[in-house]
Amino acid sequence: MAKSIEQTIKQCRHCSKKTVHHRASSKTGLIMFLVHIVLTIVTAGVWLVLLLIWMLLNTKIGGWSCQECGK
């Protein structure tokens, strides 16, 4: 999966300024979506369960960081 950077403007909790916040994310394309659908059908749903577990274990919760203070 390709890595990308998401950006948004938010009010920072630490420095109390409205700044650009960023986080790393992984985006998948249509082909990978179709591969996951085919694997889910072929394995009778087992692939979907494994994929959900993998996604939960690898999800970074609250990954936004302020460009000014870094928190």
PDB file of N, CA and C in Angstrom:
ATOM      1  N   MET A   1       0.826  -1.179   0.000  1.00  0.00           N
ATOM      2  CA  MET A   1       0.000   0.000   0.000  1.00  0.00           C
ATOM      3  C   MET A   1       0.876   1.250   0.000  1.00  0.00           C
ATOM      4  N   ALA A   2       0.418   2.212  -0.719  1.00  0.00           N
ATOM      5  CA  ALA A   2       1.163   3.461  -0.820  1.00  0.00           C
ATOM      6  C   ALA A   2       0.901   4.333   0.391  1.00  0.00           C
ATOM      7  N   LYS A   3       1.913   5.031   0.818  1.00  0.00           N
ATOM      8  CA  LYS A   3       1.774   5.967   1.935  1.00  0.00           C
ATOM      9  C   LYS A   3       1.488   7.352   1.388  1.00  0.00           C
ATOM     10  N   SER A   4       0.666   8.083   2.095  1.00  0.00           N
ATOM     11  CA  SER A   4       0.371   9.456   1.707  1.00  0.00           C
ATOM     12  C   SER A   4       0.268  10.299   2.970  1.00  0.00           C
ATOM     13  N   ILE A   5       0.332  11.601   2.787  1.00  0.00           N
ATOM     14  CA  ILE A   5       0.226  12.540   3.897  1.00  0.00           C
ATOM     15  C   ILE A   5      -1.087  13.295   3.760  1.00  0.00           C
ATOM     16  N   GLU A   6      -1.895  13.268   4.820  1.00  0.00           N
ATOM     17  CA  GLU A   6      -3.135  14.039   4.853  1.00  0.00           C
ATOM     18  C   GLU A   6      -2.880  15.308   5.652  1.00  0.00           C
ATOM     19  N   GLN A   7      -3.478  16.406   5.224  1.00  0.00           N
ATOM     20  CA  GLN A   7      -3.337  17.675   5.929  1.00  0.00           C
ATOM     21  C   GLN A   7      -4.701  18.304   6.162  1.00  0.00           C
ATOM     22  N   THR A   8      -4.820  18.998   7.280  1.00  0.00           N
ATOM     23  CA  THR A   8      -6.032  19.743   7.591  1.00  0.00           C
ATOM     24  C   THR A   8      -5.671  20.893   8.531  1.00  0.00           C
ATOM     25  N   ILE A   9      -6.524  21.874   8.593  1.00  0.00           N
ATOM     26  CA  ILE A   9      -6.310  22.981   9.514  1.00  0.00           C
ATOM     27  C   ILE A   9      -7.195  22.752  10.730  1.00  0.00           C
ATOM     28  N   LYS A  10      -6.555  22.727  11.910  1.00  0.00           N
ATOM     29  CA  LYS A  10      -7.254  22.467  13.167  1.00  0.00           C
ATOM     30  C   LYS A  10      -6.745  23.398  14.250  1.00  0.00           C
ATOM     31  N   GLN A  11      -7.525  23.497  15.308  1.00  0.00           N
ATOM     32  CA  GLN A  11      -7.100  24.201  16.513  1.00  0.00           C
ATOM     33  C   GLN A  11      -6.250  23.235  17.339  1.00  0.00           C
ATOM     34  N   CYS A  12      -5.004  23.595  17.604  1.00  0.00           N
ATOM     35  CA  CYS A  12      -4.105  22.730  18.366  1.00  0.00           C
ATOM     36  C   CYS A  12      -4.453  22.795  19.856  1.00  0.00           C
ATOM     37  N   ARG A  13      -4.506  21.635  20.504  1.00  0.00           N
ATOM     38  CA  ARG A  13      -4.810  21.569  21.931  1.00  0.00           C
ATOM     39  C   ARG A  13      -3.629  22.037  22.782  1.00  0.00           C
ATOM     40  N   HIS A  14      -2.424  21.896  22.260  1.00  0.00           N
ATOM     41  CA  HIS A  14      -1.232  22.205  23.051  1.00  0.00           C
ATOM     42  C   HIS A  14      -0.799  23.660  22.928  1.00  0.00           C
ATOM     43  N   CYS A  15      -0.714  24.164  21.700  1.00  0.00           N
ATOM     44  CA  CYS A  15      -0.232  25.540  21.523  1.00  0.00           C
ATOM     45  C   CYS A  15      -1.375  26.538  21.318  1.00  0.00           C
ATOM     46  N   SER A  16      -2.609  26.068  21.291  1.00  0.00           N
ATOM     47  CA  SER A  16      -3.824  26.898  21.184  1.00  0.00           C
ATOM     48  C   SER A  16      -3.860  27.795  19.951  1.00  0.00           C
ATOM     49  N   LYS A  17      -3.197  27.361  18.875  1.00  0.00           N
ATOM     50  CA  LYS A  17      -3.219  28.101  17.616  1.00  0.00           C
ATOM     51  C   LYS A  17      -3.955  27.283  16.563  1.00  0.00           C
ATOM     52  N   LYS A  18      -4.493  27.961  15.590  1.00  0.00           N
ATOM     53  CA  LYS A  18      -5.110  27.287  14.455  1.00  0.00           C
ATOM     54  C   LYS A  18      -4.003  27.066  13.429  1.00  0.00           C
ATOM     55  N   THR A  19      -3.565  25.815  13.286  1.00  0.00           N
ATOM     56  CA  THR A  19      -2.418  25.504  12.436  1.00  0.00           C
ATOM     57  C   THR A  19      -2.714  24.319  11.524  1.00  0.00           C
ATOM     58  N   VAL A  20      -1.792  24.068  10.632  1.00  0.00           N
ATOM     59  CA  VAL A  20      -1.874  22.903   9.755  1.00  0.00           C
ATOM     60  C   VAL A  20      -1.475  21.678  10.568  1.00  0.00           C
ATOM     61  N   HIS A  21      -2.282  20.647  10.504  1.00  0.00           N
ATOM     62  CA  HIS A  21      -1.990  19.367  11.140  1.00  0.00           C
ATOM     63  C   HIS A  21      -1.828  18.329  10.037  1.00  0.00           C
ATOM     64  N   HIS A  22      -0.968  17.348  10.272  1.00  0.00           N
ATOM     65  CA  HIS A  22      -0.745  16.321   9.250  1.00  0.00           C
ATOM     66  C   HIS A  22      -0.638  14.947   9.898  1.00  0.00           C
ATOM     67  N   ARG A  23      -0.882  13.936   9.098  1.00  0.00           N
ATOM     68  CA  ARG A  23      -0.721  12.545   9.532  1.00  0.00           C
ATOM     69  C   ARG A  23      -0.437  11.687   8.317  1.00  0.00           C
ATOM     70  N   ALA A  24       0.255  10.601   8.550  1.00  0.00           N
ATOM     71  CA  ALA A  24       0.531   9.632   7.490  1.00  0.00           C
ATOM     72  C   ALA A  24      -0.654   8.685   7.382  1.00  0.00           C
ATOM     73  N   SER A  25      -0.995   8.312   6.184  1.00  0.00           N
ATOM     74  CA  SER A  25      -2.083   7.351   5.991  1.00  0.00           C
ATOM     75  C   SER A  25      -1.741   6.468   4.807  1.00  0.00           C
ATOM     76  N   SER A  26      -2.443   5.377   4.722  1.00  0.00           N
ATOM     77  CA  SER A  26      -2.241   4.485   3.585  1.00  0.00           C
ATOM     78  C   SER A  26      -3.519   4.467   2.763  1.00  0.00           C
ATOM     79  N   LYS A  27      -3.371   4.685   1.512  1.00  0.00           N
ATOM     80  CA  LYS A  27      -4.512   4.703   0.596  1.00  0.00           C
ATOM     81  C   LYS A  27      -4.374   3.517  -0.354  1.00  0.00           C
ATOM     82  N   THR A  28      -5.476   2.868  -0.623  1.00  0.00           N
ATOM     83  CA  THR A  28      -5.463   1.772  -1.581  1.00  0.00           C
ATOM     84  C   THR A  28      -6.304   2.153  -2.787  1.00  0.00           C
ATOM     85  N   GLY A  29      -5.967   1.593  -3.898  1.00  0.00           N
ATOM     86  CA  GLY A  29      -6.682   1.888  -5.121  1.00  0.00           C
ATOM     87  C   GLY A  29      -7.812   0.911  -5.377  1.00  0.00           C
ATOM     88  N   LEU A  30      -8.455   1.097  -6.494  1.00  0.00           N
ATOM     89  CA  LEU A  30      -9.583   0.254  -6.887  1.00  0.00           C
ATOM     90  C   LEU A  30      -9.154  -1.193  -7.102  1.00  0.00           C
ATOM     91  N   ILE A  31      -7.961  -1.394  -7.650  1.00  0.00           N
ATOM     92  CA  ILE A  31      -7.507  -2.769  -7.928  1.00  0.00           C
ATOM     93  C   ILE A  31      -7.338  -3.546  -6.625  1.00  0.00           C
ATOM     94  N   MET A  32      -6.747  -2.913  -5.607  1.00  0.00           N
ATOM     95  CA  MET A  32      -6.582  -3.619  -4.331  1.00  0.00           C
ATOM     96  C   MET A  32      -7.937  -3.882  -3.672  1.00  0.00           C
ATOM     97  N   PHE A  33      -8.878  -2.976  -3.838  1.00  0.00           N
ATOM     98  CA  PHE A  33     -10.223  -3.191  -3.319  1.00  0.00           C
ATOM     99  C   PHE A  33     -10.846  -4.426  -3.975  1.00  0.00           C
ATOM    100  N   LEU A  34     -10.696  -4.538  -5.283  1.00  0.00           N
ATOM    101  CA  LEU A  34     -11.239  -5.694  -6.000  1.00  0.00           C
ATOM    102  C   LEU A  34     -10.537  -6.989  -5.592  1.00  0.00           C
ATOM    103  N   VAL A  35      -9.232  -6.923  -5.360  1.00  0.00           N
ATOM    104  CA  VAL A  35      -8.493  -8.108  -4.904  1.00  0.00           C
ATOM    105  C   VAL A  35      -9.025  -8.565  -3.552  1.00  0.00           C
ATOM    106  N   HIS A  36      -9.274  -7.632  -2.647  1.00  0.00           N
ATOM    107  CA  HIS A  36      -9.807  -7.997  -1.338  1.00  0.00           C
ATOM    108  C   HIS A  36     -11.211  -8.593  -1.452  1.00  0.00           C
ATOM    109  N   ILE A  37     -12.030  -8.071  -2.341  1.00  0.00           N
ATOM    110  CA  ILE A  37     -13.376  -8.626  -2.554  1.00  0.00           C
ATOM    111  C   ILE A  37     -13.288 -10.053  -3.086  1.00  0.00           C
ATOM    112  N   VAL A  38     -12.440 -10.270  -4.080  1.00  0.00           N
ATOM    113  CA  VAL A  38     -12.282 -11.624  -4.656  1.00  0.00           C
ATOM    114  C   VAL A  38     -11.763 -12.590  -3.602  1.00  0.00           C
ATOM    115  N   LEU A  39     -10.754 -12.188  -2.833  1.00  0.00           N
ATOM    116  CA  LEU A  39     -10.220 -13.071  -1.793  1.00  0.00           C
ATOM    117  C   LEU A  39     -11.264 -13.371  -0.718  1.00  0.00           C
ATOM    118  N   THR A  40     -12.095 -12.405  -0.389  1.00  0.00           N
ATOM    119  CA  THR A  40     -13.155 -12.628   0.595  1.00  0.00           C
ATOM    120  C   THR A  40     -14.156 -13.654   0.072  1.00  0.00           C
ATOM    121  N   ILE A  41     -14.511 -13.558  -1.199  1.00  0.00           N
ATOM    122  CA  ILE A  41     -15.467 -14.504  -1.793  1.00  0.00           C
ATOM    123  C   ILE A  41     -14.853 -15.896  -1.900  1.00  0.00           C
ATOM    124  N   VAL A  42     -13.610 -15.975  -2.384  1.00  0.00           N
ATOM    125  CA  VAL A  42     -12.952 -17.276  -2.583  1.00  0.00           C
ATOM    126  C   VAL A  42     -12.727 -18.000  -1.257  1.00  0.00           C
ATOM    127  N   THR A  43     -12.392 -17.265  -0.206  1.00  0.00           N
ATOM    128  CA  THR A  43     -12.120 -17.904   1.090  1.00  0.00           C
ATOM    129  C   THR A  43     -13.348 -17.948   1.993  1.00  0.00           C
ATOM    130  N   ALA A  44     -14.505 -17.664   1.460  1.00  0.00           N
ATOM    131  CA  ALA A  44     -15.778 -17.718   2.195  1.00  0.00           C
ATOM    132  C   ALA A  44     -15.770 -16.816   3.430  1.00  0.00           C
ATOM    133  N   GLY A  45     -15.165 -15.634   3.309  1.00  0.00           N
ATOM    134  CA  GLY A  45     -15.196 -14.660   4.381  1.00  0.00           C
ATOM    135  C   GLY A  45     -14.015 -14.692   5.332  1.00  0.00           C
ATOM    136  N   VAL A  46     -13.189 -15.720   5.262  1.00  0.00           N
ATOM    137  CA  VAL A  46     -12.042 -15.825   6.161  1.00  0.00           C
ATOM    138  C   VAL A  46     -11.077 -14.663   5.925  1.00  0.00           C
ATOM    139  N   TRP A  47     -10.865 -14.311   4.660  1.00  0.00           N
ATOM    140  CA  TRP A  47      -9.957 -13.216   4.335  1.00  0.00           C
ATOM    141  C   TRP A  47     -10.433 -11.901   4.946  1.00  0.00           C
ATOM    142  N   LEU A  48     -11.733 -11.654   4.935  1.00  0.00           N
ATOM    143  CA  LEU A  48     -12.273 -10.418   5.498  1.00  0.00           C
ATOM    144  C   LEU A  48     -11.995 -10.321   6.992  1.00  0.00           C
ATOM    145  N   VAL A  49     -12.154 -11.417   7.711  1.00  0.00           N
ATOM    146  CA  VAL A  49     -11.875 -11.434   9.148  1.00  0.00           C
ATOM    147  C   VAL A  49     -10.402 -11.128   9.395  1.00  0.00           C
ATOM    148  N   LEU A  50      -9.505 -11.774   8.644  1.00  0.00           N
ATOM    149  CA  LEU A  50      -8.070 -11.529   8.796  1.00  0.00           C
ATOM    150  C   LEU A  50      -7.714 -10.092   8.431  1.00  0.00           C
ATOM    151  N   LEU A  51      -8.332  -9.570   7.395  1.00  0.00           N
ATOM    152  CA  LEU A  51      -8.069  -8.202   6.973  1.00  0.00           C
ATOM    153  C   LEU A  51      -8.513  -7.197   8.039  1.00  0.00           C
ATOM    154  N   LEU A  52      -9.669  -7.409   8.632  1.00  0.00           N
ATOM    155  CA  LEU A  52     -10.151  -6.515   9.690  1.00  0.00           C
ATOM    156  C   LEU A  52      -9.250  -6.551  10.921  1.00  0.00           C
ATOM    157  N   ILE A  53      -8.794  -7.744  11.299  1.00  0.00           N
ATOM    158  CA  ILE A  53      -7.868  -7.862  12.429  1.00  0.00           C
ATOM    159  C   ILE A  53      -6.573  -7.126  12.119  1.00  0.00           C
ATOM    160  N   TRP A  54      -6.038  -7.305  10.914  1.00  0.00           N
ATOM    161  CA  TRP A  54      -4.802  -6.636  10.510  1.00  0.00           C
ATOM    162  C   TRP A  54      -4.972  -5.116  10.524  1.00  0.00           C
ATOM    163  N   MET A  55      -6.117  -4.637  10.035  1.00  0.00           N
ATOM    164  CA  MET A  55      -6.360  -3.201  10.003  1.00  0.00           C
ATOM    165  C   MET A  55      -6.465  -2.627  11.421  1.00  0.00           C
ATOM    166  N   LEU A  56      -7.113  -3.338  12.322  1.00  0.00           N
ATOM    167  CA  LEU A  56      -7.247  -2.868  13.701  1.00  0.00           C
ATOM    168  C   LEU A  56      -5.898  -2.820  14.416  1.00  0.00           C
ATOM    169  N   LEU A  57      -5.052  -3.813  14.169  1.00  0.00           N
ATOM    170  CA  LEU A  57      -3.751  -3.847  14.823  1.00  0.00           C
ATOM    171  C   LEU A  57      -2.792  -2.794  14.277  1.00  0.00           C
ATOM    172  N   ASN A  58      -2.979  -2.371  13.035  1.00  0.00           N
ATOM    173  CA  ASN A  58      -2.057  -1.436  12.401  1.00  0.00           C
ATOM    174  C   ASN A  58      -2.595  -0.018  12.301  1.00  0.00           C
ATOM    175  N   THR A  59      -3.738   0.262  12.898  1.00  0.00           N
ATOM    176  CA  THR A  59      -4.320   1.594  12.836  1.00  0.00           C
ATOM    177  C   THR A  59      -3.691   2.479  13.898  1.00  0.00           C
ATOM    178  N   LYS A  60      -3.215   3.629  13.476  1.00  0.00           N
ATOM    179  CA  LYS A  60      -2.668   4.600  14.417  1.00  0.00           C
ATOM    180  C   LYS A  60      -3.805   5.521  14.837  1.00  0.00           C
ATOM    181  N   ILE A  61      -4.151   5.484  16.096  1.00  0.00           N
ATOM    182  CA  ILE A  61      -5.268   6.271  16.598  1.00  0.00           C
ATOM    183  C   ILE A  61      -4.767   7.666  16.980  1.00  0.00           C
ATOM    184  N   GLY A  62      -5.455   8.689  16.509  1.00  0.00           N
ATOM    185  CA  GLY A  62      -5.100  10.061  16.849  1.00  0.00           C
ATOM    186  C   GLY A  62      -3.759  10.482  16.281  1.00  0.00           C
ATOM    187  N   GLY A  63      -3.510  10.180  15.035  1.00  0.00           N
ATOM    188  CA  GLY A  63      -2.221  10.428  14.430  1.00  0.00           C
ATOM    189  C   GLY A  63      -1.968  11.838  13.951  1.00  0.00           C
ATOM    190  N   TRP A  64      -2.863  12.774  14.216  1.00  0.00           N
ATOM    191  CA  TRP A  64      -2.680  14.147  13.761  1.00  0.00           C
ATOM    192  C   TRP A  64      -1.598  14.814  14.605  1.00  0.00           C
ATOM    193  N   SER A  65      -0.698  15.551  13.962  1.00  0.00           N
ATOM    194  CA  SER A  65       0.300  16.313  14.706  1.00  0.00           C
ATOM    195  C   SER A  65       0.366  17.737  14.164  1.00  0.00           C
ATOM    196  N   CYS A  66       0.572  18.667  15.086  1.00  0.00           N
ATOM    197  CA  CYS A  66       0.603  20.088  14.769  1.00  0.00           C
ATOM    198  C   CYS A  66       1.917  20.443  14.080  1.00  0.00           C
ATOM    199  N   GLN A  67       1.854  21.263  13.053  1.00  0.00           N
ATOM    200  CA  GLN A  67       3.047  21.679  12.332  1.00  0.00           C
ATOM    201  C   GLN A  67       3.877  22.671  13.160  1.00  0.00           C
ATOM    202  N   GLU A  68       3.239  23.408  14.071  1.00  0.00           N
ATOM    203  CA  GLU A  68       3.946  24.394  14.890  1.00  0.00           C
ATOM    204  C   GLU A  68       4.678  23.748  16.076  1.00  0.00           C
ATOM    205  N   CYS A  69       3.956  23.002  16.899  1.00  0.00           N
ATOM    206  CA  CYS A  69       4.565  22.468  18.122  1.00  0.00           C
ATOM    207  C   CYS A  69       4.952  20.988  18.005  1.00  0.00           C
ATOM    208  N   GLY A  70       4.456  20.307  16.981  1.00  0.00           N
ATOM    209  CA  GLY A  70       4.809  18.895  16.781  1.00  0.00           C
ATOM    210  C   GLY A  70       4.008  17.910  17.612  1.00  0.00           C
ATOM    211  N   LYS A  71       3.044  18.388  18.380  1.00  0.00           N
ATOM    212  CA  LYS A  71       2.234  17.483  19.212  1.00  0.00           C
ATOM    213  C   LYS A  71       0.851  17.334  18.673  1.00  0.00           C
TER     214      LYS A  71
END
